[in-house]
Amino acid sequence: MAKDASFDIVSKVDLQEVTNAVTQARREIETRFDFKGSKSEIRLEGEALTLISDDEYKLSQVLDVLQTKLIKRDVSLKALKPGKIEPAAGGTVRQVFTLQQGIDQNVAKQITKLIRDSKLKVQAQIQGDQVRVTGKNRDDLQQVIQLLKSADIDVPLQFTNYR
């Protein structure tokens, strides 16, 4: 009898790569001429990134530098959830970004509905902050992966434990 094949859909961010990207972005901000004399900085505290700068324009420049470094290190920008821009001490502005780890229930339900609507012979079940997809045919599982890669889901997805 054929054994069921399965894989897990997860959303994880490699914090070491984020740390490296933040370090590179800080170094670039220190050396760039347009940031000379400004109070621009990036802080990484756990799973939160805090960007501080003189005004909103410079803050957007700091964010652009950070995003460039994150992309080069294969960290998806979908994992960054922006907070609102708020005034900070010393006439500066601050924006906090949280790194999203795991798939929340609403997105997991959206993924399982998408898989169910595809009419492929697979089952999807939510297991905590991940979704497990099982089926008899490996080709169906490959089609599910392609379907999810082409879908517009607002969290970065990785496919693990493919058996």
N, C-alpha and C. Protein backbone atom coordinates (compact mmCIF):
# COMPACT_ATOMS: atom_id res chain seq x y z
N MET A 1 0.84 -1.19 0.00
CA MET A 1 0.00 0.00 0.00
C MET A 1 0.88 1.25 0.00
N ALA A 2 0.50 2.24 -0.81
CA ALA A 2 1.30 3.46 -0.92
C ALA A 2 1.15 4.30 0.35
N LYS A 3 2.26 4.84 0.78
CA LYS A 3 2.26 5.66 1.99
C LYS A 3 1.96 7.11 1.62
N ASP A 4 1.26 7.82 2.50
CA ASP A 4 0.95 9.22 2.23
C ASP A 4 2.22 10.07 2.28
N ALA A 5 2.31 11.02 1.35
CA ALA A 5 3.40 11.99 1.37
C ALA A 5 2.87 13.25 2.03
N SER A 6 3.76 14.03 2.63
CA SER A 6 3.30 15.25 3.30
C SER A 6 4.41 16.30 3.32
N PHE A 7 4.02 17.52 3.60
CA PHE A 7 4.96 18.60 3.88
C PHE A 7 4.28 19.62 4.78
N ASP A 8 5.10 20.46 5.42
CA ASP A 8 4.59 21.50 6.31
C ASP A 8 4.78 22.86 5.66
N ILE A 9 3.80 23.74 5.85
CA ILE A 9 3.90 25.12 5.41
C ILE A 9 4.16 25.94 6.67
N VAL A 10 5.30 26.63 6.73
CA VAL A 10 5.66 27.41 7.90
C VAL A 10 6.04 28.82 7.47
N SER A 11 6.14 29.70 8.43
CA SER A 11 6.61 31.06 8.18
C SER A 11 7.60 31.41 9.29
N LYS A 12 8.87 31.29 8.97
CA LYS A 12 9.92 31.57 9.94
C LYS A 12 10.92 32.54 9.34
N VAL A 13 11.48 33.38 10.20
CA VAL A 13 12.50 34.34 9.78
C VAL A 13 13.80 33.93 10.46
N ASP A 14 14.88 33.86 9.69
CA ASP A 14 16.19 33.53 10.24
C ASP A 14 16.72 34.78 10.96
N LEU A 15 16.67 34.76 12.29
CA LEU A 15 17.07 35.93 13.08
C LEU A 15 18.55 36.25 12.92
N GLN A 16 19.39 35.24 12.64
CA GLN A 16 20.81 35.51 12.43
C GLN A 16 21.01 36.35 11.16
N GLU A 17 20.25 36.04 10.11
CA GLU A 17 20.35 36.83 8.88
C GLU A 17 19.83 38.25 9.11
N VAL A 18 18.78 38.39 9.91
CA VAL A 18 18.26 39.73 10.23
C VAL A 18 19.31 40.53 10.99
N THR A 19 19.98 39.89 11.96
CA THR A 19 21.04 40.55 12.73
C THR A 19 22.16 41.00 11.81
N ASN A 20 22.56 40.13 10.88
CA ASN A 20 23.62 40.49 9.94
C ASN A 20 23.20 41.65 9.04
N ALA A 21 21.96 41.64 8.57
CA ALA A 21 21.46 42.72 7.71
C ALA A 21 21.42 44.04 8.47
N VAL A 22 21.00 44.00 9.75
CA VAL A 22 20.96 45.21 10.57
C VAL A 22 22.37 45.76 10.77
N THR A 23 23.34 44.88 11.02
CA THR A 23 24.73 45.31 11.21
C THR A 23 25.26 45.96 9.94
N GLN A 24 24.98 45.36 8.79
CA GLN A 24 25.43 45.94 7.52
C GLN A 24 24.76 47.29 7.26
N ALA A 25 23.48 47.39 7.57
CA ALA A 25 22.75 48.64 7.34
C ALA A 25 23.30 49.75 8.25
N ARG A 26 23.58 49.41 9.51
CA ARG A 26 24.17 50.40 10.43
C ARG A 26 25.50 50.91 9.89
N ARG A 27 26.33 49.98 9.41
CA ARG A 27 27.63 50.36 8.88
C ARG A 27 27.49 51.29 7.68
N GLU A 28 26.52 50.99 6.79
CA GLU A 28 26.32 51.85 5.62
C GLU A 28 25.82 53.23 6.03
N ILE A 29 24.92 53.28 7.03
CA ILE A 29 24.39 54.57 7.48
C ILE A 29 25.50 55.42 8.09
N GLU A 30 26.43 54.79 8.82
CA GLU A 30 27.54 55.53 9.42
C GLU A 30 28.46 56.14 8.37
N THR A 31 28.60 55.47 7.21
CA THR A 31 29.56 55.94 6.21
C THR A 31 28.93 56.79 5.12
N ARG A 32 27.61 56.77 4.97
CA ARG A 32 27.00 57.54 3.88
C ARG A 32 27.01 59.03 4.18
N PHE A 33 27.29 59.80 3.13
CA PHE A 33 27.41 61.25 3.28
C PHE A 33 26.09 61.90 3.66
N ASP A 34 24.97 61.43 3.11
CA ASP A 34 23.69 62.08 3.40
C ASP A 34 23.19 61.81 4.81
N PHE A 35 23.84 60.93 5.56
CA PHE A 35 23.49 60.70 6.96
C PHE A 35 24.47 61.34 7.92
N LYS A 36 25.47 62.08 7.42
CA LYS A 36 26.44 62.74 8.31
C LYS A 36 25.72 63.76 9.20
N GLY A 37 25.95 63.68 10.49
CA GLY A 37 25.37 64.63 11.43
C GLY A 37 23.92 64.35 11.79
N SER A 38 23.34 63.30 11.25
CA SER A 38 21.95 62.99 11.60
C SER A 38 21.92 61.97 12.73
N LYS A 39 20.76 61.89 13.37
CA LYS A 39 20.59 60.95 14.48
C LYS A 39 19.88 59.69 14.00
N SER A 40 20.37 59.10 12.93
CA SER A 40 19.74 57.92 12.36
C SER A 40 20.35 56.65 12.95
N GLU A 41 19.47 55.73 13.36
CA GLU A 41 19.96 54.46 13.88
C GLU A 41 18.91 53.38 13.73
N ILE A 42 19.39 52.13 13.80
CA ILE A 42 18.53 50.95 13.73
C ILE A 42 18.83 50.10 14.96
N ARG A 43 17.77 49.70 15.66
CA ARG A 43 17.94 48.83 16.84
C ARG A 43 17.17 47.55 16.60
N LEU A 44 17.77 46.43 17.01
CA LEU A 44 17.11 45.14 16.95
C LEU A 44 16.96 44.65 18.37
N GLU A 45 15.71 44.57 18.84
CA GLU A 45 15.42 44.10 20.20
C GLU A 45 14.49 42.91 20.11
N GLY A 46 15.05 41.71 20.23
CA GLY A 46 14.24 40.50 20.12
C GLY A 46 13.71 40.36 18.71
N GLU A 47 12.39 40.43 18.57
CA GLU A 47 11.78 40.33 17.25
C GLU A 47 11.16 41.66 16.83
N ALA A 48 11.76 42.76 17.29
CA ALA A 48 11.29 44.09 16.92
C ALA A 48 12.47 44.92 16.41
N LEU A 49 12.25 45.60 15.31
CA LEU A 49 13.24 46.52 14.74
C LEU A 49 12.74 47.94 14.97
N THR A 50 13.59 48.79 15.55
CA THR A 50 13.22 50.18 15.77
C THR A 50 14.11 51.05 14.90
N LEU A 51 13.51 51.86 14.05
CA LEU A 51 14.24 52.79 13.20
C LEU A 51 14.01 54.19 13.73
N ILE A 52 15.10 54.94 13.92
CA ILE A 52 15.03 56.30 14.44
C ILE A 52 15.79 57.21 13.49
N SER A 53 15.23 58.38 13.20
CA SER A 53 15.93 59.35 12.36
C SER A 53 15.39 60.75 12.63
N ASP A 54 16.00 61.73 11.95
CA ASP A 54 15.68 63.14 12.18
C ASP A 54 14.26 63.50 11.74
N ASP A 55 13.85 63.02 10.56
CA ASP A 55 12.51 63.33 10.04
C ASP A 55 12.01 62.13 9.23
N GLU A 56 10.79 62.24 8.72
CA GLU A 56 10.19 61.12 8.02
C GLU A 56 10.93 60.78 6.73
N TYR A 57 11.47 61.79 6.06
CA TYR A 57 12.22 61.52 4.83
C TYR A 57 13.47 60.70 5.12
N LYS A 58 14.23 61.11 6.12
CA LYS A 58 15.44 60.36 6.48
C LYS A 58 15.06 58.97 7.00
N LEU A 59 13.93 58.86 7.70
CA LEU A 59 13.47 57.57 8.19
C LEU A 59 13.18 56.63 7.01
N SER A 60 12.58 57.18 5.96
CA SER A 60 12.32 56.34 4.78
C SER A 60 13.62 55.92 4.11
N GLN A 61 14.65 56.78 4.16
CA GLN A 61 15.96 56.43 3.61
C GLN A 61 16.60 55.30 4.43
N VAL A 62 16.48 55.38 5.76
CA VAL A 62 17.02 54.33 6.64
C VAL A 62 16.30 53.02 6.35
N LEU A 63 14.99 53.08 6.19
CA LEU A 63 14.20 51.88 5.88
C LEU A 63 14.63 51.28 4.54
N ASP A 64 14.89 52.13 3.56
CA ASP A 64 15.32 51.67 2.25
C ASP A 64 16.66 50.93 2.34
N VAL A 65 17.60 51.48 3.12
CA VAL A 65 18.89 50.82 3.31
C VAL A 65 18.69 49.46 3.97
N LEU A 66 17.86 49.42 5.02
CA LEU A 66 17.60 48.17 5.74
C LEU A 66 16.95 47.13 4.82
N GLN A 67 15.95 47.56 4.05
CA GLN A 67 15.27 46.62 3.16
C GLN A 67 16.22 46.05 2.11
N THR A 68 17.12 46.88 1.61
CA THR A 68 18.11 46.41 0.63
C THR A 68 18.98 45.32 1.24
N LYS A 69 19.43 45.53 2.46
CA LYS A 69 20.29 44.55 3.13
C LYS A 69 19.51 43.26 3.44
N LEU A 70 18.24 43.39 3.82
CA LEU A 70 17.42 42.21 4.10
C LEU A 70 17.19 41.38 2.83
N ILE A 71 16.94 42.05 1.72
CA ILE A 71 16.72 41.34 0.46
C ILE A 71 17.98 40.59 0.03
N LYS A 72 19.14 41.24 0.20
CA LYS A 72 20.39 40.58 -0.18
C LYS A 72 20.64 39.33 0.66
N ARG A 73 20.08 39.28 1.87
CA ARG A 73 20.28 38.13 2.76
C ARG A 73 19.08 37.17 2.72
N ASP A 74 18.24 37.28 1.70
CA ASP A 74 17.10 36.39 1.48
C ASP A 74 16.10 36.39 2.64
N VAL A 75 15.91 37.53 3.26
CA VAL A 75 14.86 37.68 4.27
C VAL A 75 13.70 38.39 3.59
N SER A 76 12.53 37.77 3.60
CA SER A 76 11.37 38.34 2.92
C SER A 76 10.89 39.61 3.63
N LEU A 77 10.56 40.62 2.85
CA LEU A 77 10.06 41.87 3.43
C LEU A 77 8.62 41.71 3.93
N LYS A 78 7.95 40.62 3.54
CA LYS A 78 6.60 40.36 4.05
C LYS A 78 6.61 40.07 5.54
N ALA A 79 7.78 39.67 6.07
CA ALA A 79 7.88 39.35 7.49
C ALA A 79 7.90 40.60 8.36
N LEU A 80 8.16 41.77 7.76
CA LEU A 80 8.19 43.04 8.52
C LEU A 80 6.78 43.62 8.59
N LYS A 81 6.28 43.78 9.80
CA LYS A 81 4.98 44.42 9.99
C LYS A 81 5.21 45.81 10.56
N PRO A 82 4.97 46.86 9.77
CA PRO A 82 5.29 48.22 10.22
C PRO A 82 4.31 48.75 11.25
N GLY A 83 4.85 49.51 12.20
CA GLY A 83 4.03 50.26 13.14
C GLY A 83 3.87 51.67 12.59
N LYS A 84 3.20 52.54 13.34
CA LYS A 84 3.07 53.90 12.83
C LYS A 84 4.27 54.74 13.23
N ILE A 85 4.49 55.77 12.44
CA ILE A 85 5.60 56.69 12.69
C ILE A 85 5.17 57.61 13.83
N GLU A 86 6.01 57.69 14.87
CA GLU A 86 5.66 58.51 16.03
C GLU A 86 6.84 59.40 16.41
N PRO A 87 6.56 60.56 17.01
CA PRO A 87 7.65 61.43 17.44
C PRO A 87 8.42 60.80 18.60
N ALA A 88 9.72 61.03 18.60
CA ALA A 88 10.57 60.50 19.67
C ALA A 88 11.33 61.66 20.31
N ALA A 89 12.19 61.34 21.26
CA ALA A 89 12.93 62.37 22.00
C ALA A 89 13.91 63.10 21.10
N GLY A 90 14.19 64.34 21.42
CA GLY A 90 15.20 65.12 20.70
C GLY A 90 14.78 65.53 19.30
N GLY A 91 13.50 65.66 19.05
CA GLY A 91 13.03 66.10 17.73
C GLY A 91 13.18 65.05 16.65
N THR A 92 13.28 63.79 17.01
CA THR A 92 13.41 62.72 16.02
C THR A 92 12.08 61.99 15.86
N VAL A 93 12.03 61.11 14.88
CA VAL A 93 10.86 60.27 14.68
C VAL A 93 11.30 58.80 14.75
N ARG A 94 10.34 57.96 15.12
CA ARG A 94 10.65 56.54 15.32
C ARG A 94 9.54 55.70 14.70
N GLN A 95 9.96 54.54 14.18
CA GLN A 95 8.99 53.57 13.66
C GLN A 95 9.45 52.18 14.08
N VAL A 96 8.51 51.40 14.61
CA VAL A 96 8.83 50.05 15.08
C VAL A 96 8.26 49.04 14.10
N PHE A 97 9.09 48.09 13.69
CA PHE A 97 8.67 46.99 12.83
C PHE A 97 8.77 45.70 13.63
N THR A 98 7.74 44.86 13.57
CA THR A 98 7.81 43.57 14.24
C THR A 98 8.04 42.49 13.19
N LEU A 99 8.85 41.50 13.56
CA LEU A 99 9.11 40.37 12.68
C LEU A 99 8.06 39.31 12.95
N GLN A 100 7.34 38.92 11.92
CA GLN A 100 6.27 37.94 12.09
C GLN A 100 6.84 36.54 11.97
N GLN A 101 6.67 35.76 13.03
CA GLN A 101 7.09 34.37 13.07
C GLN A 101 5.83 33.52 13.17
N GLY A 102 5.74 32.49 12.35
CA GLY A 102 4.59 31.60 12.40
C GLY A 102 3.42 32.12 11.58
N ILE A 103 2.49 31.24 11.32
CA ILE A 103 1.29 31.58 10.54
C ILE A 103 0.13 31.74 11.51
N ASP A 104 -0.51 32.93 11.51
CA ASP A 104 -1.64 33.11 12.42
C ASP A 104 -2.88 32.41 11.87
N GLN A 105 -3.90 32.28 12.70
CA GLN A 105 -5.08 31.47 12.37
C GLN A 105 -5.79 31.94 11.11
N ASN A 106 -5.93 33.27 10.93
CA ASN A 106 -6.65 33.78 9.76
C ASN A 106 -5.95 33.40 8.47
N VAL A 107 -4.62 33.55 8.45
CA VAL A 107 -3.85 33.21 7.25
C VAL A 107 -3.87 31.70 7.02
N ALA A 108 -3.80 30.92 8.11
CA ALA A 108 -3.84 29.46 7.98
C ALA A 108 -5.18 29.03 7.38
N LYS A 109 -6.28 29.65 7.81
CA LYS A 109 -7.59 29.33 7.24
C LYS A 109 -7.65 29.72 5.77
N GLN A 110 -7.02 30.85 5.42
CA GLN A 110 -6.98 31.29 4.03
C GLN A 110 -6.21 30.27 3.18
N ILE A 111 -5.09 29.76 3.71
CA ILE A 111 -4.29 28.77 2.98
C ILE A 111 -5.07 27.48 2.78
N THR A 112 -5.71 26.99 3.85
CA THR A 112 -6.45 25.73 3.72
C THR A 112 -7.64 25.88 2.77
N LYS A 113 -8.29 27.04 2.77
CA LYS A 113 -9.40 27.28 1.84
C LYS A 113 -8.89 27.30 0.40
N LEU A 114 -7.74 27.93 0.18
CA LEU A 114 -7.14 27.98 -1.15
C LEU A 114 -6.82 26.57 -1.65
N ILE A 115 -6.29 25.73 -0.76
CA ILE A 115 -5.94 24.35 -1.13
C ILE A 115 -7.22 23.55 -1.41
N ARG A 116 -8.25 23.73 -0.56
CA ARG A 116 -9.52 23.02 -0.75
C ARG A 116 -10.18 23.42 -2.06
N ASP A 117 -10.13 24.72 -2.40
CA ASP A 117 -10.76 25.21 -3.63
C ASP A 117 -10.02 24.76 -4.88
N SER A 118 -8.77 24.30 -4.74
CA SER A 118 -7.99 23.89 -5.91
C SER A 118 -8.44 22.52 -6.44
N LYS A 119 -9.25 21.79 -5.67
CA LYS A 119 -9.80 20.48 -6.04
C LYS A 119 -8.72 19.41 -6.22
N LEU A 120 -7.52 19.63 -5.64
CA LEU A 120 -6.49 18.60 -5.67
C LEU A 120 -6.80 17.58 -4.58
N LYS A 121 -6.33 16.35 -4.75
CA LYS A 121 -6.63 15.29 -3.79
C LYS A 121 -5.61 15.32 -2.66
N VAL A 122 -5.67 16.37 -1.86
CA VAL A 122 -4.79 16.53 -0.70
C VAL A 122 -5.63 17.03 0.47
N GLN A 123 -5.12 16.82 1.68
CA GLN A 123 -5.77 17.34 2.88
C GLN A 123 -4.82 18.34 3.53
N ALA A 124 -5.39 19.44 4.00
CA ALA A 124 -4.60 20.45 4.71
C ALA A 124 -5.19 20.60 6.11
N GLN A 125 -4.32 20.55 7.12
CA GLN A 125 -4.80 20.75 8.48
C GLN A 125 -3.89 21.71 9.22
N ILE A 126 -4.50 22.55 10.04
CA ILE A 126 -3.77 23.56 10.80
C ILE A 126 -3.23 22.90 12.06
N GLN A 127 -1.91 23.07 12.27
CA GLN A 127 -1.27 22.53 13.47
C GLN A 127 -0.51 23.66 14.15
N GLY A 128 -1.18 24.36 15.05
CA GLY A 128 -0.54 25.47 15.75
C GLY A 128 -0.26 26.62 14.80
N ASP A 129 1.03 26.94 14.62
CA ASP A 129 1.40 28.05 13.74
C ASP A 129 1.94 27.55 12.40
N GLN A 130 1.54 26.34 11.99
CA GLN A 130 1.92 25.82 10.69
C GLN A 130 0.76 25.03 10.09
N VAL A 131 0.86 24.70 8.82
CA VAL A 131 -0.17 23.93 8.13
C VAL A 131 0.48 22.70 7.53
N ARG A 132 -0.08 21.52 7.79
CA ARG A 132 0.44 20.28 7.21
C ARG A 132 -0.46 19.87 6.06
N VAL A 133 0.17 19.54 4.92
CA VAL A 133 -0.56 19.09 3.74
C VAL A 133 -0.15 17.65 3.47
N THR A 134 -1.14 16.76 3.35
CA THR A 134 -0.87 15.34 3.08
C THR A 134 -1.66 14.91 1.85
N GLY A 135 -1.10 13.94 1.16
CA GLY A 135 -1.77 13.39 -0.02
C GLY A 135 -1.05 12.15 -0.48
N LYS A 136 -1.73 11.35 -1.31
CA LYS A 136 -1.12 10.11 -1.81
C LYS A 136 -0.15 10.37 -2.95
N ASN A 137 -0.42 11.39 -3.74
CA ASN A 137 0.37 11.65 -4.94
C ASN A 137 1.33 12.83 -4.70
N ARG A 138 2.61 12.61 -4.91
CA ARG A 138 3.60 13.67 -4.72
C ARG A 138 3.42 14.81 -5.73
N ASP A 139 2.92 14.48 -6.92
CA ASP A 139 2.69 15.52 -7.92
C ASP A 139 1.64 16.51 -7.45
N ASP A 140 0.62 16.01 -6.74
CA ASP A 140 -0.40 16.91 -6.19
C ASP A 140 0.23 17.86 -5.17
N LEU A 141 1.16 17.33 -4.35
CA LEU A 141 1.82 18.17 -3.36
C LEU A 141 2.66 19.25 -4.05
N GLN A 142 3.33 18.88 -5.13
CA GLN A 142 4.11 19.86 -5.89
C GLN A 142 3.18 20.95 -6.46
N GLN A 143 1.99 20.55 -6.92
CA GLN A 143 1.04 21.53 -7.44
C GLN A 143 0.56 22.47 -6.35
N VAL A 144 0.38 21.95 -5.13
CA VAL A 144 -0.02 22.80 -4.01
C VAL A 144 1.07 23.83 -3.72
N ILE A 145 2.33 23.40 -3.74
CA ILE A 145 3.45 24.33 -3.50
C ILE A 145 3.45 25.43 -4.56
N GLN A 146 3.28 25.04 -5.82
CA GLN A 146 3.25 26.04 -6.90
C GLN A 146 2.05 26.98 -6.75
N LEU A 147 0.91 26.44 -6.35
CA LEU A 147 -0.28 27.24 -6.14
C LEU A 147 -0.04 28.30 -5.05
N LEU A 148 0.57 27.87 -3.94
CA LEU A 148 0.80 28.80 -2.83
C LEU A 148 1.88 29.82 -3.16
N LYS A 149 2.87 29.42 -3.95
CA LYS A 149 3.91 30.39 -4.35
C LYS A 149 3.32 31.48 -5.24
N SER A 150 2.34 31.12 -6.07
CA SER A 150 1.75 32.11 -6.98
C SER A 150 0.63 32.91 -6.30
N ALA A 151 0.12 32.43 -5.17
CA ALA A 151 -0.97 33.13 -4.47
C ALA A 151 -0.42 34.37 -3.76
N ASP A 152 -1.28 35.34 -3.55
CA ASP A 152 -0.89 36.58 -2.88
C ASP A 152 -1.22 36.45 -1.39
N ILE A 153 -0.29 35.87 -0.65
CA ILE A 153 -0.46 35.70 0.79
C ILE A 153 0.52 36.65 1.47
N ASP A 154 0.04 37.36 2.50
CA ASP A 154 0.83 38.46 3.07
C ASP A 154 1.83 38.03 4.13
N VAL A 155 2.21 36.76 4.17
CA VAL A 155 3.31 36.29 5.03
C VAL A 155 4.26 35.48 4.17
N PRO A 156 5.55 35.47 4.50
CA PRO A 156 6.48 34.64 3.73
C PRO A 156 6.27 33.16 4.10
N LEU A 157 6.22 32.31 3.09
CA LEU A 157 5.98 30.90 3.33
C LEU A 157 7.21 30.07 2.97
N GLN A 158 7.51 29.09 3.82
CA GLN A 158 8.53 28.10 3.52
C GLN A 158 7.88 26.73 3.60
N PHE A 159 8.43 25.79 2.82
CA PHE A 159 7.87 24.45 2.76
C PHE A 159 8.92 23.49 3.31
N THR A 160 8.60 22.83 4.44
CA THR A 160 9.57 21.99 5.11
C THR A 160 9.02 20.58 5.29
N ASN A 161 9.87 19.67 5.75
CA ASN A 161 9.51 18.27 6.05
C ASN A 161 8.81 17.59 4.90
N TYR A 162 9.32 17.80 3.68
CA TYR A 162 8.72 17.15 2.52
C TYR A 162 9.08 15.68 2.53
N ARG A 163 8.09 14.80 2.70
CA ARG A 163 8.32 13.35 2.75
C ARG A 163 7.41 12.65 1.80
